[in-house]
Amino acid sequence: MAGKLFIFEGGEGAGKTTLIKNLQVSLRETEHEVVVTREPGGTEYAEEVRNALIKKRPDTNEYPTPRSQLLGFYSARFDHIEKVILPALQAGKIVLCDRFELTSYAYQVHALDTGLQDVFLFLHKTVCELLNGYNLNYILCDIDPEAGVRRALERADENTSFDEKNMDFHYQAHEGRKVAQEHIGECFKFHTIDATQSPEDMVNASLQLMQK
């Protein structure tokens, strides 16, 4: 049986991580084999890249440049696909991934205006080639950026470069997720759920989409 990939996207504070945890429980209760992972991350190498790219360097108190971030995230992404996602899909499992290419386009290409759209599209083509033939889906957890950022600031986690951006950046990223769908819709299906719902309602809405 061919596996299925469900990627959960959305702005800061959209509740993706909680949703994925709840879905993992629900799906395993129905005896589905589920793999939960995240981006950037998912492998030892990719987690090291994540730490290097989204946190300030202690010696300079600076973040890597947007260009460095985009290329670094794709380096981590290919390692993640080849070592985690693809083997799980080949084994017929359901993969739940927190963020993927939509975030790369929304942040590094659209909101930060790096002028790297052609580079992004080239790298995206390689992603499609690697995952060709599988059921690939995005579930966008939609929330107004200002409300999402308020939620994110209440978290106990350490802030990253994206939590510290101004509201204009978050609105640009919100728009970028929609623009990105025009470029990467060729090999992925897109679905949207209301992220202002209760966690239980978000799970139910996601399960309905996943059964289509």
C-alpha atoms as a PDB file:
ATOM      1  CA  MET A   1       0.000   0.000   0.000  1.00  0.00           C
ATOM      2  CA  ALA A   2       1.377   3.405  -0.971  1.00  0.00           C
ATOM      3  CA  GLY A   3       1.952   5.788   1.896  1.00  0.00           C
ATOM      4  CA  LYS A   4       0.540   9.290   2.294  1.00  0.00           C
ATOM      5  CA  LEU A   5       2.273  12.523   3.261  1.00  0.00           C
ATOM      6  CA  PHE A   6       0.336  15.229   5.103  1.00  0.00           C
ATOM      7  CA  ILE A   7       2.183  18.488   5.688  1.00  0.00           C
ATOM      8  CA  PHE A   8       0.768  20.974   8.184  1.00  0.00           C
ATOM      9  CA  GLU A   9       1.518  24.609   7.469  1.00  0.00           C
ATOM     10  CA  GLY A  10       0.542  27.928   8.954  1.00  0.00           C
ATOM     11  CA  GLY A  11       1.897  31.020  10.606  1.00  0.00           C
ATOM     12  CA  GLU A  12       3.360  31.349  14.083  1.00  0.00           C
ATOM     13  CA  GLY A  13       0.843  30.223  16.699  1.00  0.00           C
ATOM     14  CA  ALA A  14      -1.435  28.395  14.261  1.00  0.00           C
ATOM     15  CA  GLY A  15      -1.503  25.274  16.443  1.00  0.00           C
ATOM     16  CA  LYS A  16       0.173  22.900  13.985  1.00  0.00           C
ATOM     17  CA  THR A  17       2.276  21.026  16.530  1.00  0.00           C
ATOM     18  CA  THR A  18      -0.657  20.388  18.870  1.00  0.00           C
ATOM     19  CA  LEU A  19      -2.815  19.311  15.941  1.00  0.00           C
ATOM     20  CA  ILE A  20      -0.204  16.817  14.747  1.00  0.00           C
ATOM     21  CA  LYS A  21       0.150  15.305  18.226  1.00  0.00           C
ATOM     22  CA  ASN A  22      -3.614  14.876  18.503  1.00  0.00           C
ATOM     23  CA  LEU A  23      -3.868  13.400  15.008  1.00  0.00           C
ATOM     24  CA  GLN A  24      -1.111  10.931  15.814  1.00  0.00           C
ATOM     25  CA  VAL A  25      -3.169   9.599  18.713  1.00  0.00           C
ATOM     26  CA  SER A  26      -6.380   9.434  16.668  1.00  0.00           C
ATOM     27  CA  LEU A  27      -4.764   7.664  13.720  1.00  0.00           C
ATOM     28  CA  ARG A  28      -2.948   5.116  15.843  1.00  0.00           C
ATOM     29  CA  GLU A  29      -6.222   4.236  17.539  1.00  0.00           C
ATOM     30  CA  THR A  30      -7.430   3.149  14.090  1.00  0.00           C
ATOM     31  CA  GLU A  31      -4.292   0.989  13.684  1.00  0.00           C
ATOM     32  CA  HIS A  32      -2.637   3.236  11.104  1.00  0.00           C
ATOM     33  CA  GLU A  33       1.152   3.281  11.100  1.00  0.00           C
ATOM     34  CA  VAL A  34       2.113   6.911  11.618  1.00  0.00           C
ATOM     35  CA  VAL A  35       5.428   8.739  11.395  1.00  0.00           C
ATOM     36  CA  VAL A  36       5.579  12.234  12.907  1.00  0.00           C
ATOM     37  CA  THR A  37       8.377  14.558  11.863  1.00  0.00           C
ATOM     38  CA  ARG A  38       9.171  18.231  11.358  1.00  0.00           C
ATOM     39  CA  GLU A  39      11.053  20.751   9.273  1.00  0.00           C
ATOM     40  CA  PRO A  40      13.591  22.006   9.484  1.00  0.00           C
ATOM     41  CA  GLY A  41      14.695  18.838  11.226  1.00  0.00           C
ATOM     42  CA  GLY A  42      13.716  15.199  11.239  1.00  0.00           C
ATOM     43  CA  THR A  43      17.226  13.739  11.045  1.00  0.00           C
ATOM     44  CA  GLU A  44      20.352  14.290  13.131  1.00  0.00           C
ATOM     45  CA  TYR A  45      21.957  16.344  10.356  1.00  0.00           C
ATOM     46  CA  ALA A  46      18.786  18.333   9.661  1.00  0.00           C
ATOM     47  CA  GLU A  47      18.353  19.173  13.355  1.00  0.00           C
ATOM     48  CA  GLU A  48      21.924  20.497  13.421  1.00  0.00           C
ATOM     49  CA  VAL A  49      21.147  22.663  10.400  1.00  0.00           C
ATOM     50  CA  ARG A  50      17.959  23.881  12.111  1.00  0.00           C
ATOM     51  CA  ASN A  51      19.873  24.985  15.195  1.00  0.00           C
ATOM     52  CA  ALA A  52      22.441  26.773  13.043  1.00  0.00           C
ATOM     53  CA  LEU A  53      19.904  28.628  10.912  1.00  0.00           C
ATOM     54  CA  ILE A  54      17.084  29.771  13.181  1.00  0.00           C
ATOM     55  CA  LYS A  55      19.031  30.915  16.227  1.00  0.00           C
ATOM     56  CA  LYS A  56      21.447  33.779  16.728  1.00  0.00           C
ATOM     57  CA  ARG A  57      25.158  32.988  16.687  1.00  0.00           C
ATOM     58  CA  PRO A  58      26.458  33.494  20.235  1.00  0.00           C
ATOM     59  CA  ASP A  59      29.659  35.153  19.011  1.00  0.00           C
ATOM     60  CA  THR A  60      28.076  37.766  16.718  1.00  0.00           C
ATOM     61  CA  ASN A  61      24.452  37.869  17.967  1.00  0.00           C
ATOM     62  CA  GLU A  62      23.350  37.675  14.309  1.00  0.00           C
ATOM     63  CA  TYR A  63      21.193  35.296  12.262  1.00  0.00           C
ATOM     64  CA  PRO A  64      22.327  33.705   8.979  1.00  0.00           C
ATOM     65  CA  THR A  65      21.259  35.601   5.860  1.00  0.00           C
ATOM     66  CA  PRO A  66      17.995  34.670   4.067  1.00  0.00           C
ATOM     67  CA  ARG A  67      19.977  33.138   1.192  1.00  0.00           C
ATOM     68  CA  SER A  68      21.932  30.987   3.619  1.00  0.00           C
ATOM     69  CA  GLN A  69      18.678  29.974   5.278  1.00  0.00           C
ATOM     70  CA  LEU A  70      16.983  28.920   2.037  1.00  0.00           C
ATOM     71  CA  LEU A  71      19.860  26.801   0.788  1.00  0.00           C
ATOM     72  CA  GLY A  72      20.554  25.404   4.244  1.00  0.00           C
ATOM     73  CA  PHE A  73      16.940  24.387   4.752  1.00  0.00           C
ATOM     74  CA  TYR A  74      16.930  22.544   1.432  1.00  0.00           C
ATOM     75  CA  SER A  75      20.122  20.735   2.366  1.00  0.00           C
ATOM     76  CA  ALA A  76      18.340  19.581   5.529  1.00  0.00           C
ATOM     77  CA  ARG A  77      15.165  18.830   3.536  1.00  0.00           C
ATOM     78  CA  PHE A  78      16.834  16.444   1.112  1.00  0.00           C
ATOM     79  CA  ASP A  79      18.431  14.551   3.992  1.00  0.00           C
ATOM     80  CA  HIS A  80      15.027  14.412   5.695  1.00  0.00           C
ATOM     81  CA  ILE A  81      13.235  13.182   2.572  1.00  0.00           C
ATOM     82  CA  GLU A  82      15.752  10.481   1.752  1.00  0.00           C
ATOM     83  CA  LYS A  83      16.222   9.163   5.293  1.00  0.00           C
ATOM     84  CA  VAL A  84      12.762   9.576   6.869  1.00  0.00           C
ATOM     85  CA  ILE A  85       9.906  10.577   4.578  1.00  0.00           C
ATOM     86  CA  LEU A  86      10.599   8.407   1.541  1.00  0.00           C
ATOM     87  CA  PRO A  87      11.279   5.176   3.485  1.00  0.00           C
ATOM     88  CA  ALA A  88       8.050   5.695   5.463  1.00  0.00           C
ATOM     89  CA  LEU A  89       6.015   6.274   2.299  1.00  0.00           C
ATOM     90  CA  GLN A  90       7.564   3.212   0.670  1.00  0.00           C
ATOM     91  CA  ALA A  91       6.491   1.196   3.700  1.00  0.00           C
ATOM     92  CA  GLY A  92       2.889   2.377   3.302  1.00  0.00           C
ATOM     93  CA  LYS A  93       2.866   4.607   6.381  1.00  0.00           C
ATOM     94  CA  ILE A  94       1.131   7.925   6.996  1.00  0.00           C
ATOM     95  CA  VAL A  95       3.628  10.742   7.472  1.00  0.00           C
ATOM     96  CA  LEU A  96       2.602  13.859   9.427  1.00  0.00           C
ATOM     97  CA  CYS A  97       5.124  16.656   8.886  1.00  0.00           C
ATOM     98  CA  ASP A  98       5.211  20.014  10.680  1.00  0.00           C
ATOM     99  CA  ARG A  99       6.151  22.512   7.893  1.00  0.00           C
ATOM    100  CA  PHE A 100       7.789  21.900   4.529  1.00  0.00           C
ATOM    101  CA  GLU A 101       8.351  23.870   1.314  1.00  0.00           C
ATOM    102  CA  LEU A 102       5.451  26.247   1.798  1.00  0.00           C
ATOM    103  CA  THR A 103       7.298  27.802   4.725  1.00  0.00           C
ATOM    104  CA  SER A 104      10.514  28.116   2.710  1.00  0.00           C
ATOM    105  CA  TYR A 105       8.696  30.051   0.003  1.00  0.00           C
ATOM    106  CA  ALA A 106       6.633  32.148   2.412  1.00  0.00           C
ATOM    107  CA  TYR A 107       9.597  33.169   4.571  1.00  0.00           C
ATOM    108  CA  GLN A 108      12.830  33.106   2.584  1.00  0.00           C
ATOM    109  CA  VAL A 109      11.446  33.905  -0.896  1.00  0.00           C
ATOM    110  CA  HIS A 110       8.303  36.026  -0.391  1.00  0.00           C
ATOM    111  CA  ALA A 111       8.456  37.787   2.981  1.00  0.00           C
ATOM    112  CA  LEU A 112      12.215  38.397   2.927  1.00  0.00           C
ATOM    113  CA  ASP A 113      12.221  39.203  -0.816  1.00  0.00           C
ATOM    114  CA  THR A 114      15.491  37.427  -1.548  1.00  0.00           C
ATOM    115  CA  GLY A 115      15.068  37.287  -5.328  1.00  0.00           C
ATOM    116  CA  LEU A 116      15.651  33.530  -5.192  1.00  0.00           C
ATOM    117  CA  GLN A 117      12.390  32.339  -6.723  1.00  0.00           C
ATOM    118  CA  ASP A 118      14.135  30.574  -9.609  1.00  0.00           C
ATOM    119  CA  VAL A 119      16.434  28.773  -7.173  1.00  0.00           C
ATOM    120  CA  PHE A 120      13.423  27.754  -5.097  1.00  0.00           C
ATOM    121  CA  LEU A 121      11.580  26.386  -8.155  1.00  0.00           C
ATOM    122  CA  PHE A 122      14.644  24.372  -9.215  1.00  0.00           C
ATOM    123  CA  LEU A 123      14.954  22.832  -5.757  1.00  0.00           C
ATOM    124  CA  HIS A 124      11.193  22.216  -5.601  1.00  0.00           C
ATOM    125  CA  LYS A 125      11.386  20.287  -8.884  1.00  0.00           C
ATOM    126  CA  THR A 126      13.917  17.959  -7.281  1.00  0.00           C
ATOM    127  CA  VAL A 127      11.594  17.441  -4.295  1.00  0.00           C
ATOM    128  CA  CYS A 128       8.765  16.457  -6.665  1.00  0.00           C
ATOM    129  CA  GLU A 129      11.058  14.010  -8.465  1.00  0.00           C
ATOM    130  CA  LEU A 130      12.024  12.354  -5.178  1.00  0.00           C
ATOM    131  CA  LEU A 131       8.409  12.032  -4.007  1.00  0.00           C
ATOM    132  CA  ASN A 132       6.867  11.261  -7.390  1.00  0.00           C
ATOM    133  CA  GLY A 133       3.989   8.769  -7.300  1.00  0.00           C
ATOM    134  CA  TYR A 134       2.943   9.283  -3.688  1.00  0.00           C
ATOM    135  CA  ASN A 135      -0.143  10.953  -2.222  1.00  0.00           C
ATOM    136  CA  LEU A 136       1.176  14.388  -1.195  1.00  0.00           C
ATOM    137  CA  ASN A 137      -0.972  16.881   0.722  1.00  0.00           C
ATOM    138  CA  TYR A 138      -0.736  20.230   2.468  1.00  0.00           C
ATOM    139  CA  ILE A 139      -3.182  21.149   5.226  1.00  0.00           C
ATOM    140  CA  LEU A 140      -2.967  24.880   5.836  1.00  0.00           C
ATOM    141  CA  CYS A 141      -3.961  25.957   9.355  1.00  0.00           C
ATOM    142  CA  ASP A 142      -5.277  29.437   8.615  1.00  0.00           C
ATOM    143  CA  ILE A 143      -5.255  32.169  11.237  1.00  0.00           C
ATOM    144  CA  ASP A 144      -4.878  35.930  11.146  1.00  0.00           C
ATOM    145  CA  PRO A 145      -1.149  36.638  11.605  1.00  0.00           C
ATOM    146  CA  GLU A 146      -1.657  39.070  14.496  1.00  0.00           C
ATOM    147  CA  ALA A 147      -3.717  36.547  16.462  1.00  0.00           C
ATOM    148  CA  GLY A 148      -1.199  33.822  15.710  1.00  0.00           C
ATOM    149  CA  VAL A 149       1.774  35.880  16.837  1.00  0.00           C
ATOM    150  CA  ARG A 150      -0.001  36.700  20.106  1.00  0.00           C
ATOM    151  CA  ARG A 151      -0.366  32.966  20.698  1.00  0.00           C
ATOM    152  CA  ALA A 152       3.267  32.327  19.768  1.00  0.00           C
ATOM    153  CA  LEU A 153       4.573  34.948  22.198  1.00  0.00           C
ATOM    154  CA  GLU A 154       2.829  33.107  25.039  1.00  0.00           C
ATOM    155  CA  ARG A 155       4.897  29.973  24.407  1.00  0.00           C
ATOM    156  CA  ALA A 156       7.694  29.056  26.751  1.00  0.00           C
ATOM    157  CA  ASP A 157       9.982  28.073  23.856  1.00  0.00           C
ATOM    158  CA  GLU A 158      13.076  30.059  22.996  1.00  0.00           C
ATOM    159  CA  ASN A 159      12.387  32.707  20.349  1.00  0.00           C
ATOM    160  CA  THR A 160      13.710  32.187  16.837  1.00  0.00           C
ATOM    161  CA  SER A 161      14.498  34.710  14.133  1.00  0.00           C
ATOM    162  CA  PHE A 162      10.925  34.421  12.830  1.00  0.00           C
ATOM    163  CA  ASP A 163       9.233  35.068  16.173  1.00  0.00           C
ATOM    164  CA  GLU A 164      11.140  38.347  16.396  1.00  0.00           C
ATOM    165  CA  LYS A 165      10.001  39.722  13.017  1.00  0.00           C
ATOM    166  CA  ASN A 166       7.536  42.625  12.875  1.00  0.00           C
ATOM    167  CA  MET A 167       3.891  42.168  11.917  1.00  0.00           C
ATOM    168  CA  ASP A 168       4.496  43.246   8.323  1.00  0.00           C
ATOM    169  CA  PHE A 169       6.775  40.228   7.900  1.00  0.00           C
ATOM    170  CA  HIS A 170       4.105  37.862   9.241  1.00  0.00           C
ATOM    171  CA  TYR A 171       1.441  39.319   6.941  1.00  0.00           C
ATOM    172  CA  GLN A 172       3.837  38.989   4.017  1.00  0.00           C
ATOM    173  CA  ALA A 173       4.475  35.354   4.970  1.00  0.00           C
ATOM    174  CA  HIS A 174       0.724  34.750   5.218  1.00  0.00           C
ATOM    175  CA  GLU A 175       0.324  36.078   1.687  1.00  0.00           C
ATOM    176  CA  GLY A 176       3.366  34.086   0.575  1.00  0.00           C
ATOM    177  CA  ARG A 177       1.771  30.784   1.580  1.00  0.00           C
ATOM    178  CA  LYS A 178      -1.065  31.514  -0.824  1.00  0.00           C
ATOM    179  CA  VAL A 179       1.262  32.621  -3.617  1.00  0.00           C
ATOM    180  CA  ALA A 180       3.403  29.508  -3.137  1.00  0.00           C
ATOM    181  CA  GLN A 181       0.454  27.255  -3.928  1.00  0.00           C
ATOM    182  CA  GLU A 182       0.530  28.539  -7.499  1.00  0.00           C
ATOM    183  CA  HIS A 183       4.102  27.307  -7.856  1.00  0.00           C
ATOM    184  CA  ILE A 184       4.045  23.980  -6.020  1.00  0.00           C
ATOM    185  CA  GLY A 185       0.494  22.793  -6.659  1.00  0.00           C
ATOM    186  CA  GLU A 186       1.600  20.539  -9.493  1.00  0.00           C
ATOM    187  CA  CYS A 187       2.535  17.593  -7.285  1.00  0.00           C
ATOM    188  CA  PHE A 188       0.737  18.525  -4.022  1.00  0.00           C
ATOM    189  CA  LYS A 189      -2.926  18.851  -3.077  1.00  0.00           C
ATOM    190  CA  PHE A 190      -3.938  21.777  -0.864  1.00  0.00           C
ATOM    191  CA  HIS A 191      -6.556  21.928   1.902  1.00  0.00           C
ATOM    192  CA  THR A 192      -7.362  24.658   4.440  1.00  0.00           C
ATOM    193  CA  ILE A 193      -8.805  24.481   7.948  1.00  0.00           C
ATOM    194  CA  ASP A 194      -9.765  27.241  10.373  1.00  0.00           C
ATOM    195  CA  ALA A 195      -7.054  27.466  13.037  1.00  0.00           C
ATOM    196  CA  THR A 196      -9.249  29.538  15.352  1.00  0.00           C
ATOM    197  CA  GLN A 197     -11.350  26.429  16.075  1.00  0.00           C
ATOM    198  CA  SER A 198     -10.923  24.332  19.191  1.00  0.00           C
ATOM    199  CA  PRO A 199      -8.174  21.680  19.047  1.00  0.00           C
ATOM    200  CA  GLU A 200     -10.856  18.975  18.856  1.00  0.00           C
ATOM    201  CA  ASP A 201     -12.548  20.645  15.884  1.00  0.00           C
ATOM    202  CA  MET A 202      -9.208  21.044  14.108  1.00  0.00           C
ATOM    203  CA  VAL A 203      -8.578  17.318  14.492  1.00  0.00           C
ATOM    204  CA  ASN A 204     -12.026  16.450  13.134  1.00  0.00           C
ATOM    205  CA  ALA A 205     -11.647  18.816  10.194  1.00  0.00           C
ATOM    206  CA  SER A 206      -8.234  17.367   9.374  1.00  0.00           C
ATOM    207  CA  LEU A 207      -9.424  13.773   9.579  1.00  0.00           C
ATOM    208  CA  GLN A 208     -12.231  14.539   7.160  1.00  0.00           C
ATOM    209  CA  LEU A 209      -9.753  15.990   4.666  1.00  0.00           C
ATOM    210  CA  MET A 210      -7.343  13.092   5.105  1.00  0.00           C
ATOM    211  CA  GLN A 211     -10.045  10.569   4.209  1.00  0.00           C
ATOM    212  CA  LYS A 212     -10.756  12.174   0.823  1.00  0.00           C
END
